[in-house]
mmCIF file of all heavy atoms, coordinates in Angstrom:
data_MODEL
# 
_entry.id   MODEL 
# 
loop_
_atom_site.group_PDB 
_atom_site.id 
_atom_site.type_symbol 
_atom_site.label_atom_id 
_atom_site.label_alt_id 
_atom_site.label_comp_id 
_atom_site.label_asym_id 
_atom_site.label_entity_id 
_atom_site.label_seq_id 
_atom_site.pdbx_PDB_ins_code 
_atom_site.Cartn_x 
_atom_site.Cartn_y 
_atom_site.Cartn_z 
_atom_site.occupancy 
_atom_site.B_iso_or_equiv 
_atom_site.pdbx_formal_charge 
_atom_site.auth_seq_id 
_atom_site.auth_comp_id 
_atom_site.auth_asym_id 
_atom_site.auth_atom_id 
_atom_site.pdbx_PDB_model_num 
ATOM 1   N N   . ASN A 1 1  ? 79.860 101.864 233.299 1.00 0.00 ? 1  ASN A N   1 
ATOM 2   C CA  . ASN A 1 1  ? 80.311 101.435 234.604 1.00 0.00 ? 1  ASN A CA  1 
ATOM 3   C C   . ASN A 1 1  ? 81.596 102.198 235.057 1.00 0.00 ? 1  ASN A C   1 
ATOM 4   O O   . ASN A 1 1  ? 81.739 102.504 236.221 1.00 0.00 ? 1  ASN A O   1 
ATOM 5   C CB  . ASN A 1 1  ? 80.553 99.947  234.705 1.00 0.00 ? 1  ASN A CB  1 
ATOM 6   C CG  . ASN A 1 1  ? 79.330 99.087  234.492 1.00 0.00 ? 1  ASN A CG  1 
ATOM 7   O OD1 . ASN A 1 1  ? 78.211 99.428  234.890 1.00 0.00 ? 1  ASN A OD1 1 
ATOM 8   N ND2 . ASN A 1 1  ? 79.459 97.956  233.953 1.00 0.00 ? 1  ASN A ND2 1 
ATOM 9   N N   . PHE A 1 2  ? 82.474 102.382 234.122 1.00 0.00 ? 2  PHE A N   1 
ATOM 10  C CA  . PHE A 1 2  ? 83.728 103.107 234.432 1.00 0.00 ? 2  PHE A CA  1 
ATOM 11  C C   . PHE A 1 2  ? 83.415 104.573 234.897 1.00 0.00 ? 2  PHE A C   1 
ATOM 12  O O   . PHE A 1 2  ? 83.998 105.005 235.950 1.00 0.00 ? 2  PHE A O   1 
ATOM 13  C CB  . PHE A 1 2  ? 84.565 103.125 233.110 1.00 0.00 ? 2  PHE A CB  1 
ATOM 14  C CG  . PHE A 1 2  ? 85.821 104.016 233.285 1.00 0.00 ? 2  PHE A CG  1 
ATOM 15  C CD1 . PHE A 1 2  ? 86.841 103.783 233.992 1.00 0.00 ? 2  PHE A CD1 1 
ATOM 16  C CD2 . PHE A 1 2  ? 85.791 105.402 232.570 1.00 0.00 ? 2  PHE A CD2 1 
ATOM 17  C CE1 . PHE A 1 2  ? 87.946 104.695 234.125 1.00 0.00 ? 2  PHE A CE1 1 
ATOM 18  C CE2 . PHE A 1 2  ? 86.878 106.292 232.783 1.00 0.00 ? 2  PHE A CE2 1 
ATOM 19  C CZ  . PHE A 1 2  ? 88.028 106.018 233.479 1.00 0.00 ? 2  PHE A CZ  1 
ATOM 20  N N   . ILE A 1 3  ? 82.522 105.182 234.185 1.00 0.00 ? 3  ILE A N   1 
ATOM 21  C CA  . ILE A 1 3  ? 82.203 106.583 234.647 1.00 0.00 ? 3  ILE A CA  1 
ATOM 22  C C   . ILE A 1 3  ? 81.283 106.584 235.901 1.00 0.00 ? 3  ILE A C   1 
ATOM 23  O O   . ILE A 1 3  ? 81.625 107.289 236.863 1.00 0.00 ? 3  ILE A O   1 
ATOM 24  C CB  . ILE A 1 3  ? 81.436 107.207 233.469 1.00 0.00 ? 3  ILE A CB  1 
ATOM 25  C CG1 . ILE A 1 3  ? 82.265 107.403 232.345 1.00 0.00 ? 3  ILE A CG1 1 
ATOM 26  C CG2 . ILE A 1 3  ? 80.747 108.627 234.049 1.00 0.00 ? 3  ILE A CG2 1 
ATOM 27  C CD1 . ILE A 1 3  ? 81.607 107.986 231.024 1.00 0.00 ? 3  ILE A CD1 1 
ATOM 28  N N   . GLY A 1 4  ? 80.267 105.715 236.028 1.00 0.00 ? 4  GLY A N   1 
ATOM 29  C CA  . GLY A 1 4  ? 79.260 105.841 237.087 1.00 0.00 ? 4  GLY A CA  1 
ATOM 30  C C   . GLY A 1 4  ? 79.706 105.186 238.430 1.00 0.00 ? 4  GLY A C   1 
ATOM 31  O O   . GLY A 1 4  ? 79.452 105.612 239.499 1.00 0.00 ? 4  GLY A O   1 
ATOM 32  N N   . LYS A 1 5  ? 80.457 103.984 238.225 1.00 0.00 ? 5  LYS A N   1 
ATOM 33  C CA  . LYS A 1 5  ? 80.792 103.193 239.484 1.00 0.00 ? 5  LYS A CA  1 
ATOM 34  C C   . LYS A 1 5  ? 82.272 103.355 239.906 1.00 0.00 ? 5  LYS A C   1 
ATOM 35  O O   . LYS A 1 5  ? 82.550 102.954 241.034 1.00 0.00 ? 5  LYS A O   1 
ATOM 36  C CB  . LYS A 1 5  ? 80.550 101.681 239.091 1.00 0.00 ? 5  LYS A CB  1 
ATOM 37  C CG  . LYS A 1 5  ? 79.109 101.537 238.908 1.00 0.00 ? 5  LYS A CG  1 
ATOM 38  C CD  . LYS A 1 5  ? 78.829 99.993  238.629 1.00 0.00 ? 5  LYS A CD  1 
ATOM 39  C CE  . LYS A 1 5  ? 77.336 99.634  238.365 1.00 0.00 ? 5  LYS A CE  1 
ATOM 40  N NZ  . LYS A 1 5  ? 77.057 98.205  238.089 1.00 0.00 ? 5  LYS A NZ  1 
ATOM 41  N N   . TYR A 1 6  ? 83.068 104.027 239.020 1.00 0.00 ? 6  TYR A N   1 
ATOM 42  C CA  . TYR A 1 6  ? 84.389 104.182 239.398 1.00 0.00 ? 6  TYR A CA  1 
ATOM 43  C C   . TYR A 1 6  ? 84.847 105.662 239.518 1.00 0.00 ? 6  TYR A C   1 
ATOM 44  O O   . TYR A 1 6  ? 85.205 106.158 240.429 1.00 0.00 ? 6  TYR A O   1 
ATOM 45  C CB  . TYR A 1 6  ? 85.441 103.490 238.436 1.00 0.00 ? 6  TYR A CB  1 
ATOM 46  C CG  . TYR A 1 6  ? 86.862 103.814 238.561 1.00 0.00 ? 6  TYR A CG  1 
ATOM 47  C CD1 . TYR A 1 6  ? 87.578 103.539 239.675 1.00 0.00 ? 6  TYR A CD1 1 
ATOM 48  C CD2 . TYR A 1 6  ? 87.529 104.450 237.437 1.00 0.00 ? 6  TYR A CD2 1 
ATOM 49  C CE1 . TYR A 1 6  ? 88.915 103.923 239.640 1.00 0.00 ? 6  TYR A CE1 1 
ATOM 50  C CE2 . TYR A 1 6  ? 88.714 104.900 237.653 1.00 0.00 ? 6  TYR A CE2 1 
ATOM 51  C CZ  . TYR A 1 6  ? 89.623 104.602 238.705 1.00 0.00 ? 6  TYR A CZ  1 
ATOM 52  O OH  . TYR A 1 6  ? 90.889 104.934 238.838 1.00 0.00 ? 6  TYR A OH  1 
ATOM 53  N N   . LEU A 1 7  ? 84.680 106.331 238.340 1.00 0.00 ? 7  LEU A N   1 
ATOM 54  C CA  . LEU A 1 7  ? 85.100 107.827 238.210 1.00 0.00 ? 7  LEU A CA  1 
ATOM 55  C C   . LEU A 1 7  ? 84.272 108.632 239.145 1.00 0.00 ? 7  LEU A C   1 
ATOM 56  O O   . LEU A 1 7  ? 84.969 109.391 239.922 1.00 0.00 ? 7  LEU A O   1 
ATOM 57  C CB  . LEU A 1 7  ? 85.030 108.142 236.715 1.00 0.00 ? 7  LEU A CB  1 
ATOM 58  C CG  . LEU A 1 7  ? 85.511 109.543 236.394 1.00 0.00 ? 7  LEU A CG  1 
ATOM 59  C CD1 . LEU A 1 7  ? 87.068 109.678 236.822 1.00 0.00 ? 7  LEU A CD1 1 
ATOM 60  C CD2 . LEU A 1 7  ? 85.465 109.761 234.820 1.00 0.00 ? 7  LEU A CD2 1 
ATOM 61  N N   . GLN A 1 8  ? 83.050 108.664 238.984 1.00 0.00 ? 8  GLN A N   1 
ATOM 62  C CA  . GLN A 1 8  ? 82.237 109.562 239.733 1.00 0.00 ? 8  GLN A CA  1 
ATOM 63  C C   . GLN A 1 8  ? 82.367 109.495 241.362 1.00 0.00 ? 8  GLN A C   1 
ATOM 64  O O   . GLN A 1 8  ? 82.545 110.499 241.995 1.00 0.00 ? 8  GLN A O   1 
ATOM 65  C CB  . GLN A 1 8  ? 80.717 109.521 239.304 1.00 0.00 ? 8  GLN A CB  1 
ATOM 66  C CG  . GLN A 1 8  ? 79.849 110.539 239.866 1.00 0.00 ? 8  GLN A CG  1 
ATOM 67  C CD  . GLN A 1 8  ? 80.185 111.924 239.465 1.00 0.00 ? 8  GLN A CD  1 
ATOM 68  O OE1 . GLN A 1 8  ? 80.045 112.339 238.263 1.00 0.00 ? 8  GLN A OE1 1 
ATOM 69  N NE2 . GLN A 1 8  ? 80.795 112.866 240.361 1.00 0.00 ? 8  GLN A NE2 1 
ATOM 70  N N   . PRO A 1 9  ? 82.223 108.220 241.875 1.00 0.00 ? 9  PRO A N   1 
ATOM 71  C CA  . PRO A 1 9  ? 82.521 108.013 243.197 1.00 0.00 ? 9  PRO A CA  1 
ATOM 72  C C   . PRO A 1 9  ? 83.901 108.581 243.771 1.00 0.00 ? 9  PRO A C   1 
ATOM 73  O O   . PRO A 1 9  ? 84.026 109.116 244.742 1.00 0.00 ? 9  PRO A O   1 
ATOM 74  C CB  . PRO A 1 9  ? 82.401 106.514 243.388 1.00 0.00 ? 9  PRO A CB  1 
ATOM 75  C CG  . PRO A 1 9  ? 81.399 106.098 242.371 1.00 0.00 ? 9  PRO A CG  1 
ATOM 76  C CD  . PRO A 1 9  ? 81.951 106.999 241.204 1.00 0.00 ? 9  PRO A CD  1 
ATOM 77  N N   . MET A 1 10 ? 84.947 108.393 242.871 1.00 0.00 ? 10 MET A N   1 
ATOM 78  C CA  . MET A 1 10 ? 86.110 108.756 243.279 1.00 0.00 ? 10 MET A CA  1 
ATOM 79  C C   . MET A 1 10 ? 86.290 110.269 243.302 1.00 0.00 ? 10 MET A C   1 
ATOM 80  O O   . MET A 1 10 ? 86.921 110.883 244.331 1.00 0.00 ? 10 MET A O   1 
ATOM 81  C CB  . MET A 1 10 ? 87.291 108.284 242.360 1.00 0.00 ? 10 MET A CB  1 
ATOM 82  C CG  . MET A 1 10 ? 88.811 108.749 242.703 1.00 0.00 ? 10 MET A CG  1 
ATOM 83  S SD  . MET A 1 10 ? 89.880 108.173 241.417 1.00 0.00 ? 10 MET A SD  1 
ATOM 84  C CE  . MET A 1 10 ? 89.457 109.280 240.081 1.00 0.00 ? 10 MET A CE  1 
ATOM 85  N N   . LEU A 1 11 ? 85.696 110.959 242.401 1.00 0.00 ? 11 LEU A N   1 
ATOM 86  C CA  . LEU A 1 11 ? 85.624 112.430 242.343 1.00 0.00 ? 11 LEU A CA  1 
ATOM 87  C C   . LEU A 1 11 ? 84.705 112.961 243.561 1.00 0.00 ? 11 LEU A C   1 
ATOM 88  O O   . LEU A 1 11 ? 85.185 113.881 244.184 1.00 0.00 ? 11 LEU A O   1 
ATOM 89  C CB  . LEU A 1 11 ? 85.102 112.864 241.010 1.00 0.00 ? 11 LEU A CB  1 
ATOM 90  C CG  . LEU A 1 11 ? 85.888 112.489 239.810 1.00 0.00 ? 11 LEU A CG  1 
ATOM 91  C CD1 . LEU A 1 11 ? 85.100 112.916 238.490 1.00 0.00 ? 11 LEU A CD1 1 
ATOM 92  C CD2 . LEU A 1 11 ? 87.135 113.317 239.805 1.00 0.00 ? 11 LEU A CD2 1 
ATOM 93  N N   . ASP A 1 12 ? 83.740 112.304 243.749 1.00 0.00 ? 12 ASP A N   1 
ATOM 94  C CA  . ASP A 1 12 ? 82.777 112.715 244.833 1.00 0.00 ? 12 ASP A CA  1 
ATOM 95  C C   . ASP A 1 12 ? 83.677 112.619 246.237 1.00 0.00 ? 12 ASP A C   1 
ATOM 96  O O   . ASP A 1 12 ? 83.399 113.471 247.074 1.00 0.00 ? 12 ASP A O   1 
ATOM 97  C CB  . ASP A 1 12 ? 81.567 111.915 244.951 1.00 0.00 ? 12 ASP A CB  1 
ATOM 98  C CG  . ASP A 1 12 ? 80.696 112.155 243.808 1.00 0.00 ? 12 ASP A CG  1 
ATOM 99  O OD1 . ASP A 1 12 ? 80.768 113.184 243.159 1.00 0.00 ? 12 ASP A OD1 1 
ATOM 100 O OD2 . ASP A 1 12 ? 79.741 111.211 243.464 1.00 0.00 ? 12 ASP A OD2 1 
ATOM 101 N N   . ASN A 1 13 ? 84.349 111.613 246.383 1.00 0.00 ? 13 ASN A N   1 
ATOM 102 C CA  . ASN A 1 13 ? 85.080 111.389 247.675 1.00 0.00 ? 13 ASN A CA  1 
ATOM 103 C C   . ASN A 1 13 ? 86.185 112.245 247.904 1.00 0.00 ? 13 ASN A C   1 
ATOM 104 O O   . ASN A 1 13 ? 86.510 112.773 248.960 1.00 0.00 ? 13 ASN A O   1 
ATOM 105 C CB  . ASN A 1 13 ? 85.569 109.837 247.848 1.00 0.00 ? 13 ASN A CB  1 
ATOM 106 C CG  . ASN A 1 13 ? 84.452 108.958 248.028 1.00 0.00 ? 13 ASN A CG  1 
ATOM 107 O OD1 . ASN A 1 13 ? 83.437 109.332 248.568 1.00 0.00 ? 13 ASN A OD1 1 
ATOM 108 N ND2 . ASN A 1 13 ? 84.583 107.686 247.598 1.00 0.00 ? 13 ASN A ND2 1 
ATOM 109 N N   . SER A 1 14 ? 86.878 112.649 246.788 1.00 0.00 ? 14 SER A N   1 
ATOM 110 C CA  . SER A 1 14 ? 88.132 113.422 246.871 1.00 0.00 ? 14 SER A CA  1 
ATOM 111 C C   . SER A 1 14 ? 87.867 114.950 246.655 1.00 0.00 ? 14 SER A C   1 
ATOM 112 O O   . SER A 1 14 ? 88.685 115.745 247.138 1.00 0.00 ? 14 SER A O   1 
ATOM 113 C CB  . SER A 1 14 ? 89.100 112.968 245.904 1.00 0.00 ? 14 SER A CB  1 
ATOM 114 O OG  . SER A 1 14 ? 88.617 113.169 244.536 1.00 0.00 ? 14 SER A OG  1 
ATOM 115 N N   . LEU A 1 15 ? 86.611 115.306 246.279 1.00 0.00 ? 15 LEU A N   1 
ATOM 116 C CA  . LEU A 1 15 ? 86.487 116.722 246.046 1.00 0.00 ? 15 LEU A CA  1 
ATOM 117 C C   . LEU A 1 15 ? 85.237 117.276 246.822 1.00 0.00 ? 15 LEU A C   1 
ATOM 118 O O   . LEU A 1 15 ? 84.462 117.983 246.262 1.00 0.00 ? 15 LEU A O   1 
ATOM 119 C CB  . LEU A 1 15 ? 86.305 116.906 244.450 1.00 0.00 ? 15 LEU A CB  1 
ATOM 120 C CG  . LEU A 1 15 ? 87.539 116.736 243.717 1.00 0.00 ? 15 LEU A CG  1 
ATOM 121 C CD1 . LEU A 1 15 ? 87.171 116.879 242.130 1.00 0.00 ? 15 LEU A CD1 1 
ATOM 122 C CD2 . LEU A 1 15 ? 88.554 117.667 244.055 1.00 0.00 ? 15 LEU A CD2 1 
ATOM 123 N N   . LYS A 1 16 ? 85.085 116.722 248.121 1.00 0.00 ? 16 LYS A N   1 
ATOM 124 C CA  . LYS A 1 16 ? 83.845 117.294 248.819 1.00 0.00 ? 16 LYS A CA  1 
ATOM 125 C C   . LYS A 1 16 ? 83.976 118.757 249.020 1.00 0.00 ? 16 LYS A C   1 
ATOM 126 O O   . LYS A 1 16 ? 82.726 119.264 249.061 1.00 0.00 ? 16 LYS A O   1 
ATOM 127 C CB  . LYS A 1 16 ? 83.773 116.432 250.187 1.00 0.00 ? 16 LYS A CB  1 
ATOM 128 C CG  . LYS A 1 16 ? 83.427 115.010 249.968 1.00 0.00 ? 16 LYS A CG  1 
ATOM 129 C CD  . LYS A 1 16 ? 83.337 114.310 251.273 1.00 0.00 ? 16 LYS A CD  1 
ATOM 130 C CE  . LYS A 1 16 ? 82.910 112.947 251.090 1.00 0.00 ? 16 LYS A CE  1 
ATOM 131 N NZ  . LYS A 1 16 ? 82.759 112.172 252.376 1.00 0.00 ? 16 LYS A NZ  1 
ATOM 132 N N   . LYS A 1 17 ? 85.042 119.403 249.077 1.00 0.00 ? 17 LYS A N   1 
ATOM 133 C CA  . LYS A 1 17 ? 85.059 120.700 249.386 1.00 0.00 ? 17 LYS A CA  1 
ATOM 134 C C   . LYS A 1 17 ? 85.282 121.634 248.050 1.00 0.00 ? 17 LYS A C   1 
ATOM 135 O O   . LYS A 1 17 ? 85.477 122.813 248.190 1.00 0.00 ? 17 LYS A O   1 
ATOM 136 C CB  . LYS A 1 17 ? 86.383 121.010 250.210 1.00 0.00 ? 17 LYS A CB  1 
ATOM 137 C CG  . LYS A 1 17 ? 86.265 120.367 251.601 1.00 0.00 ? 17 LYS A CG  1 
ATOM 138 C CD  . LYS A 1 17 ? 87.354 120.783 252.618 1.00 0.00 ? 17 LYS A CD  1 
ATOM 139 C CE  . LYS A 1 17 ? 87.249 120.168 253.939 1.00 0.00 ? 17 LYS A CE  1 
ATOM 140 N NZ  . LYS A 1 17 ? 88.393 120.414 254.751 1.00 0.00 ? 17 LYS A NZ  1 
ATOM 141 N N   . HIS A 1 18 ? 85.145 120.930 246.943 1.00 0.00 ? 18 HIS A N   1 
ATOM 142 C CA  . HIS A 1 18 ? 85.181 121.619 245.734 1.00 0.00 ? 18 HIS A CA  1 
ATOM 143 C C   . HIS A 1 18 ? 83.936 121.592 244.941 1.00 0.00 ? 18 HIS A C   1 
ATOM 144 O O   . HIS A 1 18 ? 83.164 120.738 245.028 1.00 0.00 ? 18 HIS A O   1 
ATOM 145 C CB  . HIS A 1 18 ? 86.384 121.066 244.818 1.00 0.00 ? 18 HIS A CB  1 
ATOM 146 C CG  . HIS A 1 18 ? 87.754 121.020 245.530 1.00 0.00 ? 18 HIS A CG  1 
ATOM 147 N ND1 . HIS A 1 18 ? 88.741 122.051 245.291 1.00 0.00 ? 18 HIS A ND1 1 
ATOM 148 C CD2 . HIS A 1 18 ? 88.269 120.199 246.393 1.00 0.00 ? 18 HIS A CD2 1 
ATOM 149 C CE1 . HIS A 1 18 ? 89.665 121.851 246.016 1.00 0.00 ? 18 HIS A CE1 1 
ATOM 150 N NE2 . HIS A 1 18 ? 89.505 120.805 246.849 1.00 0.00 ? 18 HIS A NE2 1 
ATOM 151 N N   . THR A 1 19 ? 83.791 122.624 244.034 1.00 0.00 ? 19 THR A N   1 
ATOM 152 C CA  . THR A 1 19 ? 82.672 122.576 243.151 1.00 0.00 ? 19 THR A CA  1 
ATOM 153 C C   . THR A 1 19 ? 83.133 121.751 241.836 1.00 0.00 ? 19 THR A C   1 
ATOM 154 O O   . THR A 1 19 ? 84.048 122.251 241.139 1.00 0.00 ? 19 THR A O   1 
ATOM 155 C CB  . THR A 1 19 ? 82.195 123.966 242.715 1.00 0.00 ? 19 THR A CB  1 
ATOM 156 O OG1 . THR A 1 19 ? 81.818 124.573 243.893 1.00 0.00 ? 19 THR A OG1 1 
ATOM 157 C CG2 . THR A 1 19 ? 80.998 123.878 241.759 1.00 0.00 ? 19 THR A CG2 1 
ATOM 158 N N   . PHE A 1 20 ? 82.365 120.658 241.551 1.00 0.00 ? 20 PHE A N   1 
ATOM 159 C CA  . PHE A 1 20 ? 82.861 119.920 240.324 1.00 0.00 ? 20 PHE A CA  1 
ATOM 160 C C   . PHE A 1 20 ? 81.620 119.354 239.688 1.00 0.00 ? 20 PHE A C   1 
ATOM 161 O O   . PHE A 1 20 ? 80.607 118.923 240.314 1.00 0.00 ? 20 PHE A O   1 
ATOM 162 C CB  . PHE A 1 20 ? 83.733 118.787 240.821 1.00 0.00 ? 20 PHE A CB  1 
ATOM 163 C CG  . PHE A 1 20 ? 84.244 117.956 239.776 1.00 0.00 ? 20 PHE A CG  1 
ATOM 164 C CD1 . PHE A 1 20 ? 85.449 118.363 239.018 1.00 0.00 ? 20 PHE A CD1 1 
ATOM 165 C CD2 . PHE A 1 20 ? 83.564 116.854 239.302 1.00 0.00 ? 20 PHE A CD2 1 
ATOM 166 C CE1 . PHE A 1 20 ? 85.890 117.545 237.973 1.00 0.00 ? 20 PHE A CE1 1 
ATOM 167 C CE2 . PHE A 1 20 ? 84.147 115.991 238.232 1.00 0.00 ? 20 PHE A CE2 1 
ATOM 168 C CZ  . PHE A 1 20 ? 85.255 116.417 237.727 1.00 0.00 ? 20 PHE A CZ  1 
ATOM 169 N N   . LYS A 1 21 ? 81.665 119.382 238.325 1.00 0.00 ? 21 LYS A N   1 
ATOM 170 C CA  . LYS A 1 21 ? 80.624 118.884 237.526 1.00 0.00 ? 21 LYS A CA  1 
ATOM 171 C C   . LYS A 1 21 ? 81.154 117.845 236.480 1.00 0.00 ? 21 LYS A C   1 
ATOM 172 O O   . LYS A 1 21 ? 81.961 118.395 235.665 1.00 0.00 ? 21 LYS A O   1 
ATOM 173 C CB  . LYS A 1 21 ? 79.769 119.942 236.904 1.00 0.00 ? 21 LYS A CB  1 
ATOM 174 C CG  . LYS A 1 21 ? 78.536 119.295 236.116 1.00 0.00 ? 21 LYS A CG  1 
ATOM 175 C CD  . LYS A 1 21 ? 77.803 120.420 235.409 1.00 0.00 ? 21 LYS A CD  1 
ATOM 176 C CE  . LYS A 1 21 ? 76.650 119.900 234.673 1.00 0.00 ? 21 LYS A CE  1 
ATOM 177 N NZ  . LYS A 1 21 ? 75.736 120.902 234.051 1.00 0.00 ? 21 LYS A NZ  1 
ATOM 178 N N   . LEU A 1 22 ? 80.767 116.646 236.520 1.00 0.00 ? 22 LEU A N   1 
ATOM 179 C CA  . LEU A 1 22 ? 81.278 115.656 235.456 1.00 0.00 ? 22 LEU A CA  1 
ATOM 180 C C   . LEU A 1 22 ? 80.315 115.714 234.234 1.00 0.00 ? 22 LEU A C   1 
ATOM 181 O O   . LEU A 1 22 ? 79.243 115.407 234.443 1.00 0.00 ? 22 LEU A O   1 
ATOM 182 C CB  . LEU A 1 22 ? 81.253 114.252 236.149 1.00 0.00 ? 22 LEU A CB  1 
ATOM 183 C CG  . LEU A 1 22 ? 81.737 113.154 235.186 1.00 0.00 ? 22 LEU A CG  1 
ATOM 184 C CD1 . LEU A 1 22 ? 83.253 113.342 234.701 1.00 0.00 ? 22 LEU A CD1 1 
ATOM 185 C CD2 . LEU A 1 22 ? 81.580 111.761 235.920 1.00 0.00 ? 22 LEU A CD2 1 
ATOM 186 N N   . GLN A 1 23 ? 80.982 116.158 233.221 1.00 0.00 ? 23 GLN A N   1 
ATOM 187 C CA  . GLN A 1 23 ? 80.270 116.186 231.891 1.00 0.00 ? 23 GLN A CA  1 
ATOM 188 C C   . GLN A 1 23 ? 80.602 114.934 231.125 1.00 0.00 ? 23 GLN A C   1 
ATOM 189 O O   . GLN A 1 23 ? 81.771 114.568 230.885 1.00 0.00 ? 23 GLN A O   1 
ATOM 190 C CB  . GLN A 1 23 ? 80.654 117.521 231.220 1.00 0.00 ? 23 GLN A CB  1 
ATOM 191 C CG  . GLN A 1 23 ? 80.175 118.752 231.904 1.00 0.00 ? 23 GLN A CG  1 
ATOM 192 C CD  . GLN A 1 23 ? 80.495 119.929 231.144 1.00 0.00 ? 23 GLN A CD  1 
ATOM 193 O OE1 . GLN A 1 23 ? 81.353 120.023 230.381 1.00 0.00 ? 23 GLN A OE1 1 
ATOM 194 N NE2 . GLN A 1 23 ? 79.707 121.065 231.334 1.00 0.00 ? 23 GLN A NE2 1 
ATOM 195 N N   . VAL A 1 24 ? 79.676 114.262 230.634 1.00 0.00 ? 24 VAL A N   1 
ATOM 196 C CA  . VAL A 1 24 ? 79.797 113.170 229.894 1.00 0.00 ? 24 VAL A CA  1 
ATOM 197 C C   . VAL A 1 24 ? 79.257 113.308 228.440 1.00 0.00 ? 24 VAL A C   1 
ATOM 198 O O   . VAL A 1 24 ? 78.051 113.729 228.250 1.00 0.00 ? 24 VAL A O   1 
ATOM 199 C CB  . VAL A 1 24 ? 79.055 111.803 230.536 1.00 0.00 ? 24 VAL A CB  1 
ATOM 200 C CG1 . VAL A 1 24 ? 79.279 110.698 229.663 1.00 0.00 ? 24 VAL A CG1 1 
ATOM 201 C CG2 . VAL A 1 24 ? 79.619 111.692 232.005 1.00 0.00 ? 24 VAL A CG2 1 
ATOM 202 N N   . TYR A 1 25 ? 80.026 112.962 227.455 1.00 0.00 ? 25 TYR A N   1 
ATOM 203 C CA  . TYR A 1 25 ? 79.619 113.188 226.146 1.00 0.00 ? 25 TYR A CA  1 
ATOM 204 C C   . TYR A 1 25 ? 79.657 111.759 225.479 1.00 0.00 ? 25 TYR A C   1 
ATOM 205 O O   . TYR A 1 25 ? 80.648 111.209 225.367 1.00 0.00 ? 25 TYR A O   1 
ATOM 206 C CB  . TYR A 1 25 ? 80.674 114.146 225.329 1.00 0.00 ? 25 TYR A CB  1 
ATOM 207 C CG  . TYR A 1 25 ? 80.781 115.471 226.001 1.00 0.00 ? 25 TYR A CG  1 
ATOM 208 C CD1 . TYR A 1 25 ? 81.602 115.837 226.831 1.00 0.00 ? 25 TYR A CD1 1 
ATOM 209 C CD2 . TYR A 1 25 ? 79.793 116.570 225.476 1.00 0.00 ? 25 TYR A CD2 1 
ATOM 210 C CE1 . TYR A 1 25 ? 81.733 117.076 227.430 1.00 0.00 ? 25 TYR A CE1 1 
ATOM 211 C CE2 . TYR A 1 25 ? 79.960 117.755 226.123 1.00 0.00 ? 25 TYR A CE2 1 
ATOM 212 C CZ  . TYR A 1 25 ? 80.763 118.048 227.001 1.00 0.00 ? 25 TYR A CZ  1 
ATOM 213 O OH  . TYR A 1 25 ? 80.896 119.279 227.515 1.00 0.00 ? 25 TYR A OH  1 
ATOM 214 N N   . TYR A 1 26 ? 78.405 111.469 224.904 1.00 0.00 ? 26 TYR A N   1 
ATOM 215 C CA  . TYR A 1 26 ? 78.391 110.129 224.378 1.00 0.00 ? 26 TYR A CA  1 
ATOM 216 C C   . TYR A 1 26 ? 78.411 110.304 222.874 1.00 0.00 ? 26 TYR A C   1 
ATOM 217 O O   . TYR A 1 26 ? 77.702 111.126 222.235 1.00 0.00 ? 26 TYR A O   1 
ATOM 218 C CB  . TYR A 1 26 ? 77.056 109.468 224.704 1.00 0.00 ? 26 TYR A CB  1 
ATOM 219 C CG  . TYR A 1 26 ? 76.940 108.977 226.238 1.00 0.00 ? 26 TYR A CG  1 
ATOM 220 C CD1 . TYR A 1 26 ? 76.337 109.764 227.137 1.00 0.00 ? 26 TYR A CD1 1 
ATOM 221 C CD2 . TYR A 1 26 ? 77.573 107.905 226.516 1.00 0.00 ? 26 TYR A CD2 1 
ATOM 222 C CE1 . TYR A 1 26 ? 76.378 109.456 228.488 1.00 0.00 ? 26 TYR A CE1 1 
ATOM 223 C CE2 . TYR A 1 26 ? 77.600 107.457 227.854 1.00 0.00 ? 26 TYR A CE2 1 
ATOM 224 C CZ  . TYR A 1 26 ? 76.901 108.194 228.805 1.00 0.00 ? 26 TYR A CZ  1 
ATOM 225 O OH  . TYR A 1 26 ? 77.011 107.865 230.141 1.00 0.00 ? 26 TYR A OH  1 
ATOM 226 N N   . PRO A 1 27 ? 79.010 109.472 222.105 1.00 0.00 ? 27 PRO A N   1 
ATOM 227 C CA  . PRO A 1 27 ? 79.212 109.520 220.622 1.00 0.00 ? 27 PRO A CA  1 
ATOM 228 C C   . PRO A 1 27 ? 77.927 108.980 219.953 1.00 0.00 ? 27 PRO A C   1 
ATOM 229 O O   . PRO A 1 27 ? 77.129 108.262 220.559 1.00 0.00 ? 27 PRO A O   1 
ATOM 230 C CB  . PRO A 1 27 ? 80.361 108.639 220.289 1.00 0.00 ? 27 PRO A CB  1 
ATOM 231 C CG  . PRO A 1 27 ? 80.476 107.687 221.334 1.00 0.00 ? 27 PRO A CG  1 
ATOM 232 C CD  . PRO A 1 27 ? 79.926 108.376 222.623 1.00 0.00 ? 27 PRO A CD  1 
# 
């Protein structure tokens, strides 16, 4: 939830003019 519902939307909203890829590594 932290990644999908908080982190990713924040990045999407603030970096619309930037190329960004969120990489998630699960243990």
